[in-house]
């Protein structure tokens, strides 16, 4: 049986996964079960920050894994800087 590598709660910027359909976006901040146990549990849930047209600034709470994965795709985290610009911590290390 595999170990749950995602059982520690993180911030949206460090989300374990991000799933989106273009309108709804789920930032997975904690997984309660290992992937093996999730696969056997139709009621498996993740702690997420979810953005939607109704909650553009995001709302925190549990979501069923089946709901998150239905009609969405795994995407790169839009809150993570990828443009090559230096953030504050990178700039401090290079100086």
PDB file of N, CA and C in Angstrom:
ATOM      1  N   UNK A   1       0.851  -1.180   0.000  1.00  0.00           N
ATOM      2  CA  UNK A   1       0.000   0.000   0.000  1.00  0.00           C
ATOM      3  C   UNK A   1       0.894   1.239   0.000  1.00  0.00           C
ATOM      4  N   UNK A   2       0.581   2.191  -0.896  1.00  0.00           N
ATOM      5  CA  UNK A   2       1.379   3.401  -1.007  1.00  0.00           C
ATOM      6  C   UNK A   2       1.062   4.405   0.078  1.00  0.00           C
ATOM      7  N   UNK A   3       2.019   5.257   0.311  1.00  0.00           N
ATOM      8  CA  UNK A   3       1.857   6.293   1.324  1.00  0.00           C
ATOM      9  C   UNK A   3       1.249   7.545   0.683  1.00  0.00           C
ATOM     10  N   UNK A   4       0.469   8.273   1.456  1.00  0.00           N
ATOM     11  CA  UNK A   4      -0.117   9.524   0.986  1.00  0.00           C
ATOM     12  C   UNK A   4       0.935  10.627   1.073  1.00  0.00           C
ATOM     13  N   UNK A   5       1.433  11.062  -0.065  1.00  0.00           N
ATOM     14  CA  UNK A   5       2.455  12.111  -0.117  1.00  0.00           C
ATOM     15  C   UNK A   5       1.847  13.516  -0.058  1.00  0.00           C
ATOM     16  N   UNK A   6       0.526  13.606  -0.073  1.00  0.00           N
ATOM     17  CA  UNK A   6      -0.151  14.909  -0.146  1.00  0.00           C
ATOM     18  C   UNK A   6      -1.044  15.160   1.067  1.00  0.00           C
ATOM     19  N   UNK A   7      -0.657  14.632   2.232  1.00  0.00           N
ATOM     20  CA  UNK A   7      -1.520  14.757   3.410  1.00  0.00           C
ATOM     21  C   UNK A   7      -1.251  15.999   4.249  1.00  0.00           C
ATOM     22  N   UNK A   8      -0.313  16.835   3.835  1.00  0.00           N
ATOM     23  CA  UNK A   8      -0.049  18.083   4.543  1.00  0.00           C
ATOM     24  C   UNK A   8      -0.729  19.227   3.788  1.00  0.00           C
ATOM     25  N   UNK A   9      -1.468  20.065   4.508  1.00  0.00           N
ATOM     26  CA  UNK A   9      -2.165  21.186   3.880  1.00  0.00           C
ATOM     27  C   UNK A   9      -1.160  22.229   3.402  1.00  0.00           C
ATOM     28  N   UNK A  10      -1.331  22.686   2.152  1.00  0.00           N
ATOM     29  CA  UNK A  10      -0.443  23.690   1.563  1.00  0.00           C
ATOM     30  C   UNK A  10      -1.268  24.877   1.070  1.00  0.00           C
ATOM     31  N   UNK A  11      -0.594  25.934   0.641  1.00  0.00           N
ATOM     32  CA  UNK A  11      -1.265  27.124   0.107  1.00  0.00           C
ATOM     33  C   UNK A  11      -1.593  26.903  -1.376  1.00  0.00           C
ATOM     34  N   UNK A  12      -2.496  27.697  -1.932  1.00  0.00           N
ATOM     35  CA  UNK A  12      -2.813  27.554  -3.361  1.00  0.00           C
ATOM     36  C   UNK A  12      -1.585  27.702  -4.273  1.00  0.00           C
ATOM     37  N   UNK A  13      -0.638  28.529  -3.872  1.00  0.00           N
ATOM     38  CA  UNK A  13       0.566  28.703  -4.684  1.00  0.00           C
ATOM     39  C   UNK A  13       1.414  27.436  -4.733  1.00  0.00           C
ATOM     40  N   UNK A  14       1.234  26.565  -3.744  1.00  0.00           N
ATOM     41  CA  UNK A  14       1.993  25.308  -3.676  1.00  0.00           C
ATOM     42  C   UNK A  14       1.082  24.093  -3.828  1.00  0.00           C
ATOM     43  N   UNK A  15      -0.063  24.282  -4.466  1.00  0.00           N
ATOM     44  CA  UNK A  15      -1.044  23.206  -4.618  1.00  0.00           C
ATOM     45  C   UNK A  15      -0.410  21.957  -5.227  1.00  0.00           C
ATOM     46  N   UNK A  16      -0.853  20.802  -4.733  1.00  0.00           N
ATOM     47  CA  UNK A  16      -0.345  19.526  -5.246  1.00  0.00           C
ATOM     48  C   UNK A  16      -0.747  19.333  -6.702  1.00  0.00           C
ATOM     49  N   UNK A  17      -1.963  19.707  -7.039  1.00  0.00           N
ATOM     50  CA  UNK A  17      -2.479  19.622  -8.407  1.00  0.00           C
ATOM     51  C   UNK A  17      -3.463  20.761  -8.616  1.00  0.00           C
ATOM     52  N   UNK A  18      -3.667  21.122  -9.875  1.00  0.00           N
ATOM     53  CA  UNK A  18      -4.683  22.108 -10.224  1.00  0.00           C
ATOM     54  C   UNK A  18      -5.488  21.526 -11.381  1.00  0.00           C
ATOM     55  N   UNK A  19      -6.802  21.462 -11.209  1.00  0.00           N
ATOM     56  CA  UNK A  19      -7.719  20.940 -12.217  1.00  0.00           C
ATOM     57  C   UNK A  19      -8.643  22.067 -12.653  1.00  0.00           C
ATOM     58  N   UNK A  20      -8.915  22.177 -13.955  1.00  0.00           N
ATOM     59  CA  UNK A  20      -9.760  23.266 -14.430  1.00  0.00           C
ATOM     60  C   UNK A  20     -10.521  22.860 -15.687  1.00  0.00           C
ATOM     61  N   UNK A  21     -11.682  23.487 -15.879  1.00  0.00           N
ATOM     62  CA  UNK A  21     -12.425  23.349 -17.130  1.00  0.00           C
ATOM     63  C   UNK A  21     -12.534  24.698 -17.835  1.00  0.00           C
ATOM     64  N   UNK A  22     -11.751  25.672 -17.390  1.00  0.00           N
ATOM     65  CA  UNK A  22     -11.792  27.009 -17.964  1.00  0.00           C
ATOM     66  C   UNK A  22     -12.690  27.952 -17.198  1.00  0.00           C
ATOM     67  N   UNK A  23     -13.658  27.414 -16.480  1.00  0.00           N
ATOM     68  CA  UNK A  23     -14.573  28.220 -15.677  1.00  0.00           C
ATOM     69  C   UNK A  23     -14.368  27.950 -14.189  1.00  0.00           C
ATOM     70  N   UNK A  24     -14.319  26.688 -13.847  1.00  0.00           N
ATOM     71  CA  UNK A  24     -14.068  26.266 -12.464  1.00  0.00           C
ATOM     72  C   UNK A  24     -12.634  25.791 -12.367  1.00  0.00           C
ATOM     73  N   UNK A  25     -11.929  26.193 -11.313  1.00  0.00           N
ATOM     74  CA  UNK A  25     -10.556  25.754 -11.078  1.00  0.00           C
ATOM     75  C   UNK A  25     -10.441  25.259  -9.643  1.00  0.00           C
ATOM     76  N   UNK A  26      -9.901  24.059  -9.504  1.00  0.00           N
ATOM     77  CA  UNK A  26      -9.717  23.420  -8.195  1.00  0.00           C
ATOM     78  C   UNK A  26      -8.232  23.333  -7.879  1.00  0.00           C
ATOM     79  N   UNK A  27      -7.794  24.005  -6.830  1.00  0.00           N
ATOM     80  CA  UNK A  27      -6.422  23.925  -6.338  1.00  0.00           C
ATOM     81  C   UNK A  27      -6.426  22.876  -5.219  1.00  0.00           C
ATOM     82  N   UNK A  28      -5.783  21.745  -5.434  1.00  0.00           N
ATOM     83  CA  UNK A  28      -5.790  20.652  -4.463  1.00  0.00           C
ATOM     84  C   UNK A  28      -4.745  20.959  -3.392  1.00  0.00           C
ATOM     85  N   UNK A  29      -5.221  21.233  -2.176  1.00  0.00           N
ATOM     86  CA  UNK A  29      -4.352  21.648  -1.078  1.00  0.00           C
ATOM     87  C   UNK A  29      -4.058  20.522  -0.087  1.00  0.00           C
ATOM     88  N   UNK A  30      -4.856  19.462  -0.115  1.00  0.00           N
ATOM     89  CA  UNK A  30      -4.623  18.325   0.759  1.00  0.00           C
ATOM     90  C   UNK A  30      -5.428  17.145   0.227  1.00  0.00           C
ATOM     91  N   UNK A  31      -4.811  15.959   0.302  1.00  0.00           N
ATOM     92  CA  UNK A  31      -5.508  14.727  -0.045  1.00  0.00           C
ATOM     93  C   UNK A  31      -5.576  13.882   1.224  1.00  0.00           C
ATOM     94  N   UNK A  32      -6.762  13.371   1.514  1.00  0.00           N
ATOM     95  CA  UNK A  32      -6.961  12.649   2.771  1.00  0.00           C
ATOM     96  C   UNK A  32      -6.555  11.178   2.708  1.00  0.00           C
ATOM     97  N   UNK A  33      -6.453  10.626   1.488  1.00  0.00           N
ATOM     98  CA  UNK A  33      -6.161   9.203   1.343  1.00  0.00           C
ATOM     99  C   UNK A  33      -5.049   8.990   0.318  1.00  0.00           C
ATOM    100  N   UNK A  34      -4.432   7.819   0.371  1.00  0.00           N
ATOM    101  CA  UNK A  34      -3.444   7.449  -0.638  1.00  0.00           C
ATOM    102  C   UNK A  34      -4.174   7.233  -1.966  1.00  0.00           C
ATOM    103  N   UNK A  35      -3.467   7.318  -3.088  1.00  0.00           N
ATOM    104  CA  UNK A  35      -4.122   7.085  -4.383  1.00  0.00           C
ATOM    105  C   UNK A  35      -4.805   5.717  -4.468  1.00  0.00           C
ATOM    106  N   UNK A  36      -4.217   4.698  -3.854  1.00  0.00           N
ATOM    107  CA  UNK A  36      -4.813   3.362  -3.883  1.00  0.00           C
ATOM    108  C   UNK A  36      -6.160   3.351  -3.155  1.00  0.00           C
ATOM    109  N   UNK A  37      -6.220   3.965  -1.991  1.00  0.00           N
ATOM    110  CA  UNK A  37      -7.478   4.011  -1.236  1.00  0.00           C
ATOM    111  C   UNK A  37      -8.500   4.923  -1.910  1.00  0.00           C
ATOM    112  N   UNK A  38      -8.040   6.019  -2.505  1.00  0.00           N
ATOM    113  CA  UNK A  38      -8.947   6.908  -3.243  1.00  0.00           C
ATOM    114  C   UNK A  38      -9.661   6.155  -4.358  1.00  0.00           C
ATOM    115  N   UNK A  39      -8.907   5.321  -5.067  1.00  0.00           N
ATOM    116  CA  UNK A  39      -9.466   4.584  -6.202  1.00  0.00           C
ATOM    117  C   UNK A  39     -10.584   3.635  -5.769  1.00  0.00           C
ATOM    118  N   UNK A  40     -10.540   3.163  -4.538  1.00  0.00           N
ATOM    119  CA  UNK A  40     -11.551   2.234  -4.018  1.00  0.00           C
ATOM    120  C   UNK A  40     -12.725   2.959  -3.360  1.00  0.00           C
ATOM    121  N   UNK A  41     -12.610   4.255  -3.133  1.00  0.00           N
ATOM    122  CA  UNK A  41     -13.608   4.994  -2.360  1.00  0.00           C
ATOM    123  C   UNK A  41     -14.351   5.995  -3.253  1.00  0.00           C
ATOM    124  N   UNK A  42     -15.616   5.725  -3.581  1.00  0.00           N
ATOM    125  CA  UNK A  42     -16.356   6.670  -4.435  1.00  0.00           C
ATOM    126  C   UNK A  42     -16.627   8.017  -3.746  1.00  0.00           C
ATOM    127  N   UNK A  43     -16.415   8.071  -2.441  1.00  0.00           N
ATOM    128  CA  UNK A  43     -16.636   9.307  -1.691  1.00  0.00           C
ATOM    129  C   UNK A  43     -15.330   9.958  -1.245  1.00  0.00           C
ATOM    130  N   UNK A  44     -14.219   9.588  -1.880  1.00  0.00           N
ATOM    131  CA  UNK A  44     -12.926  10.192  -1.553  1.00  0.00           C
ATOM    132  C   UNK A  44     -13.020  11.694  -1.782  1.00  0.00           C
ATOM    133  N   UNK A  45     -12.316  12.454  -0.943  1.00  0.00           N
ATOM    134  CA  UNK A  45     -12.396  13.914  -1.049  1.00  0.00           C
ATOM    135  C   UNK A  45     -11.021  14.532  -0.926  1.00  0.00           C
ATOM    136  N   UNK A  46     -10.927  15.741  -1.431  1.00  0.00           N
ATOM    137  CA  UNK A  46      -9.717  16.552  -1.333  1.00  0.00           C
ATOM    138  C   UNK A  46     -10.103  17.886  -0.713  1.00  0.00           C
ATOM    139  N   UNK A  47      -9.180  18.494   0.015  1.00  0.00           N
ATOM    140  CA  UNK A  47      -9.365  19.856   0.505  1.00  0.00           C
ATOM    141  C   UNK A  47      -8.867  20.776  -0.615  1.00  0.00           C
ATOM    142  N   UNK A  48      -9.728  21.666  -1.078  1.00  0.00           N
ATOM    143  CA  UNK A  48      -9.418  22.499  -2.242  1.00  0.00           C
ATOM    144  C   UNK A  48      -9.728  23.965  -1.995  1.00  0.00           C
ATOM    145  N   UNK A  49      -9.073  24.803  -2.776  1.00  0.00           N
ATOM    146  CA  UNK A  49      -9.500  26.186  -2.951  1.00  0.00           C
ATOM    147  C   UNK A  49     -10.073  26.212  -4.367  1.00  0.00           C
ATOM    148  N   UNK A  50     -11.341  26.569  -4.458  1.00  0.00           N
ATOM    149  CA  UNK A  50     -12.049  26.510  -5.731  1.00  0.00           C
ATOM    150  C   UNK A  50     -12.438  27.913  -6.177  1.00  0.00           C
ATOM    151  N   UNK A  51     -12.116  28.219  -7.433  1.00  0.00           N
ATOM    152  CA  UNK A  51     -12.577  29.479  -8.016  1.00  0.00           C
ATOM    153  C   UNK A  51     -13.604  29.160  -9.090  1.00  0.00           C
ATOM    154  N   UNK A  52     -14.578  30.043  -9.232  1.00  0.00           N
ATOM    155  CA  UNK A  52     -15.655  29.875 -10.207  1.00  0.00           C
ATOM    156  C   UNK A  52     -16.249  31.247 -10.488  1.00  0.00           C
ATOM    157  N   UNK A  53     -17.195  31.342 -11.414  1.00  0.00           N
ATOM    158  CA  UNK A  53     -17.852  32.641 -11.632  1.00  0.00           C
ATOM    159  C   UNK A  53     -18.569  33.146 -10.379  1.00  0.00           C
ATOM    160  N   UNK A  54     -18.990  32.235  -9.530  1.00  0.00           N
ATOM    161  CA  UNK A  54     -19.701  32.605  -8.302  1.00  0.00           C
ATOM    162  C   UNK A  54     -18.720  33.048  -7.219  1.00  0.00           C
ATOM    163  N   UNK A  55     -17.528  32.428  -7.189  1.00  0.00           N
ATOM    164  CA  UNK A  55     -16.513  32.737  -6.179  1.00  0.00           C
ATOM    165  C   UNK A  55     -15.182  33.051  -6.874  1.00  0.00           C
ATOM    166  N   UNK A  56     -15.075  34.204  -7.534  1.00  0.00           N
ATOM    167  CA  UNK A  56     -13.850  34.514  -8.290  1.00  0.00           C
ATOM    168  C   UNK A  56     -12.604  34.639  -7.419  1.00  0.00           C
ATOM    169  N   UNK A  57     -12.761  34.965  -6.140  1.00  0.00           N
ATOM    170  CA  UNK A  57     -11.611  35.064  -5.238  1.00  0.00           C
ATOM    171  C   UNK A  57     -11.302  33.747  -4.546  1.00  0.00           C
ATOM    172  N   UNK A  58     -12.108  32.738  -4.791  1.00  0.00           N
ATOM    173  CA  UNK A  58     -11.867  31.408  -4.243  1.00  0.00           C
ATOM    174  C   UNK A  58     -12.625  31.145  -2.972  1.00  0.00           C
ATOM    175  N   UNK A  59     -12.909  29.871  -2.773  1.00  0.00           N
ATOM    176  CA  UNK A  59     -13.587  29.402  -1.576  1.00  0.00           C
ATOM    177  C   UNK A  59     -12.927  28.098  -1.158  1.00  0.00           C
ATOM    178  N   UNK A  60     -12.695  27.922   0.140  1.00  0.00           N
ATOM    179  CA  UNK A  60     -12.001  26.752   0.658  1.00  0.00           C
ATOM    180  C   UNK A  60     -12.987  25.724   1.189  1.00  0.00           C
ATOM    181  N   UNK A  61     -12.695  24.449   0.926  1.00  0.00           N
ATOM    182  CA  UNK A  61     -13.530  23.389   1.461  1.00  0.00           C
ATOM    183  C   UNK A  61     -13.219  22.068   0.794  1.00  0.00           C
ATOM    184  N   UNK A  62     -13.892  21.014   1.264  1.00  0.00           N
ATOM    185  CA  UNK A  62     -13.701  19.689   0.695  1.00  0.00           C
ATOM    186  C   UNK A  62     -14.513  19.552  -0.592  1.00  0.00           C
ATOM    187  N   UNK A  63     -13.944  18.784  -1.526  1.00  0.00           N
ATOM    188  CA  UNK A  63     -14.633  18.468  -2.775  1.00  0.00           C
ATOM    189  C   UNK A  63     -14.403  16.992  -3.063  1.00  0.00           C
ATOM    190  N   UNK A  64     -15.423  16.339  -3.595  1.00  0.00           N
ATOM    191  CA  UNK A  64     -15.258  14.949  -3.987  1.00  0.00           C
ATOM    192  C   UNK A  64     -14.275  14.861  -5.143  1.00  0.00           C
ATOM    193  N   UNK A  65     -13.383  13.868  -5.089  1.00  0.00           N
ATOM    194  CA  UNK A  65     -12.408  13.667  -6.155  1.00  0.00           C
ATOM    195  C   UNK A  65     -13.126  13.462  -7.483  1.00  0.00           C
ATOM    196  N   UNK A  66     -14.209  12.712  -7.470  1.00  0.00           N
ATOM    197  CA  UNK A  66     -14.954  12.452  -8.705  1.00  0.00           C
ATOM    198  C   UNK A  66     -15.506  13.746  -9.307  1.00  0.00           C
ATOM    199  N   UNK A  67     -15.937  14.681  -8.471  1.00  0.00           N
ATOM    200  CA  UNK A  67     -16.437  15.968  -8.961  1.00  0.00           C
ATOM    201  C   UNK A  67     -15.310  16.783  -9.571  1.00  0.00           C
ATOM    202  N   UNK A  68     -14.160  16.807  -8.903  1.00  0.00           N
ATOM    203  CA  UNK A  68     -13.016  17.585  -9.385  1.00  0.00           C
ATOM    204  C   UNK A  68     -12.555  17.071 -10.737  1.00  0.00           C
ATOM    205  N   UNK A  69     -12.501  15.754 -10.909  1.00  0.00           N
ATOM    206  CA  UNK A  69     -11.938  15.171 -12.125  1.00  0.00           C
ATOM    207  C   UNK A  69     -12.913  15.085 -13.298  1.00  0.00           C
ATOM    208  N   UNK A  70     -14.210  15.259 -13.039  1.00  0.00           N
ATOM    209  CA  UNK A  70     -15.207  15.145 -14.099  1.00  0.00           C
ATOM    210  C   UNK A  70     -15.260  16.427 -14.925  1.00  0.00           C
ATOM    211  N   UNK A  71     -14.929  16.316 -16.201  1.00  0.00           N
ATOM    212  CA  UNK A  71     -15.016  17.455 -17.114  1.00  0.00           C
ATOM    213  C   UNK A  71     -13.902  18.475 -16.960  1.00  0.00           C
ATOM    214  N   UNK A  72     -12.848  18.121 -16.230  1.00  0.00           N
ATOM    215  CA  UNK A  72     -11.723  19.039 -16.041  1.00  0.00           C
ATOM    216  C   UNK A  72     -10.448  18.384 -16.543  1.00  0.00           C
ATOM    217  N   UNK A  73      -9.405  19.165 -16.611  1.00  0.00           N
ATOM    218  CA  UNK A  73      -8.098  18.613 -16.953  1.00  0.00           C
ATOM    219  C   UNK A  73      -7.053  19.172 -16.005  1.00  0.00           C
ATOM    220  N   UNK A  74      -6.001  18.408 -15.825  1.00  0.00           N
ATOM    221  CA  UNK A  74      -4.885  18.815 -14.987  1.00  0.00           C
ATOM    222  C   UNK A  74      -4.121  19.911 -15.715  1.00  0.00           C
ATOM    223  N   UNK A  75      -3.875  21.036 -15.030  1.00  0.00           N
ATOM    224  CA  UNK A  75      -3.185  22.166 -15.657  1.00  0.00           C
ATOM    225  C   UNK A  75      -2.017  22.611 -14.775  1.00  0.00           C
ATOM    226  N   UNK A  76      -1.063  23.345 -15.351  1.00  0.00           N
ATOM    227  CA  UNK A  76      -0.015  23.946 -14.509  1.00  0.00           C
ATOM    228  C   UNK A  76      -0.647  24.969 -13.565  1.00  0.00           C
ATOM    229  N   UNK A  77      -0.065  25.126 -12.410  1.00  0.00           N
ATOM    230  CA  UNK A  77      -0.600  26.066 -11.420  1.00  0.00           C
ATOM    231  C   UNK A  77      -0.463  27.498 -11.952  1.00  0.00           C
ATOM    232  N   UNK A  78      -1.596  28.190 -12.161  1.00  0.00           N
ATOM    233  CA  UNK A  78      -1.525  29.558 -12.680  1.00  0.00           C
ATOM    234  C   UNK A  78      -0.968  30.562 -11.668  1.00  0.00           C
ATOM    235  N   UNK A  79      -0.855  30.164 -10.403  1.00  0.00           N
ATOM    236  CA  UNK A  79      -0.323  31.061  -9.379  1.00  0.00           C
ATOM    237  C   UNK A  79       1.187  30.961  -9.250  1.00  0.00           C
ATOM    238  N   UNK A  80       1.795  30.004  -9.961  1.00  0.00           N
ATOM    239  CA  UNK A  80       3.241  29.818  -9.905  1.00  0.00           C
ATOM    240  C   UNK A  80       3.872  30.600 -11.042  1.00  0.00           C
ATOM    241  N   UNK A  81       4.883  31.365 -10.697  1.00  0.00           N
ATOM    242  CA  UNK A  81       5.571  32.208 -11.662  1.00  0.00           C
ATOM    243  C   UNK A  81       6.385  31.344 -12.623  1.00  0.00           C
ATOM    244  N   UNK A  82       6.152  31.498 -13.940  1.00  0.00           N
ATOM    245  CA  UNK A  82       6.883  30.700 -14.926  1.00  0.00           C
ATOM    246  C   UNK A  82       7.484  31.541 -16.036  1.00  0.00           C
ATOM    247  N   UNK A  83       7.415  32.861 -15.927  1.00  0.00           N
ATOM    248  CA  UNK A  83       7.855  33.738 -17.018  1.00  0.00           C
ATOM    249  C   UNK A  83       9.361  33.965 -17.039  1.00  0.00           C
ATOM    250  N   UNK A  84      10.073  33.394 -16.091  1.00  0.00           N
ATOM    251  CA  UNK A  84      11.511  33.602 -16.043  1.00  0.00           C
ATOM    252  C   UNK A  84      11.916  34.803 -15.220  1.00  0.00           C
ATOM    253  N   UNK A  85      10.939  35.579 -14.756  1.00  0.00           N
ATOM    254  CA  UNK A  85      11.243  36.724 -13.901  1.00  0.00           C
ATOM    255  C   UNK A  85      11.653  36.213 -12.530  1.00  0.00           C
ATOM    256  N   UNK A  86      12.475  36.962 -11.841  1.00  0.00           N
ATOM    257  CA  UNK A  86      12.901  36.550 -10.507  1.00  0.00           C
ATOM    258  C   UNK A  86      11.899  37.007  -9.467  1.00  0.00           C
ATOM    259  N   UNK A  87      11.562  36.101  -8.570  1.00  0.00           N
ATOM    260  CA  UNK A  87      10.752  36.530  -7.434  1.00  0.00           C
ATOM    261  C   UNK A  87      11.696  36.979  -6.327  1.00  0.00           C
ATOM    262  N   UNK A  88      11.168  37.420  -5.215  1.00  0.00           N
ATOM    263  CA  UNK A  88      11.989  37.980  -4.139  1.00  0.00           C
ATOM    264  C   UNK A  88      13.001  36.977  -3.598  1.00  0.00           C
ATOM    265  N   UNK A  89      12.588  35.715  -3.400  1.00  0.00           N
ATOM    266  CA  UNK A  89      13.505  34.731  -2.827  1.00  0.00           C
ATOM    267  C   UNK A  89      14.616  34.372  -3.812  1.00  0.00           C
ATOM    268  N   UNK A  90      14.284  34.266  -5.097  1.00  0.00           N
ATOM    269  CA  UNK A  90      15.306  33.969  -6.097  1.00  0.00           C
ATOM    270  C   UNK A  90      16.298  35.120  -6.208  1.00  0.00           C
ATOM    271  N   UNK A  91      15.785  36.361  -6.171  1.00  0.00           N
ATOM    272  CA  UNK A  91      16.656  37.538  -6.272  1.00  0.00           C
ATOM    273  C   UNK A  91      17.593  37.610  -5.070  1.00  0.00           C
ATOM    274  N   UNK A  92      17.099  37.260  -3.872  1.00  0.00           N
ATOM    275  CA  UNK A  92      17.942  37.301  -2.674  1.00  0.00           C
ATOM    276  C   UNK A  92      19.058  36.263  -2.753  1.00  0.00           C
ATOM    277  N   UNK A  93      18.750  35.064  -3.274  1.00  0.00           N
ATOM    278  CA  UNK A  93      19.754  34.006  -3.372  1.00  0.00           C
ATOM    279  C   UNK A  93      20.845  34.346  -4.365  1.00  0.00           C
ATOM    280  N   UNK A  94      20.484  35.038  -5.445  1.00  0.00           N
ATOM    281  CA  UNK A  94      21.470  35.312  -6.496  1.00  0.00           C
ATOM    282  C   UNK A  94      22.336  36.517  -6.179  1.00  0.00           C
ATOM    283  N   UNK A  95      22.004  37.293  -5.147  1.00  0.00           N
ATOM    284  CA  UNK A  95      22.818  38.465  -4.831  1.00  0.00           C
ATOM    285  C   UNK A  95      23.898  38.164  -3.823  1.00  0.00           C
TER     286      UNK A  95
END
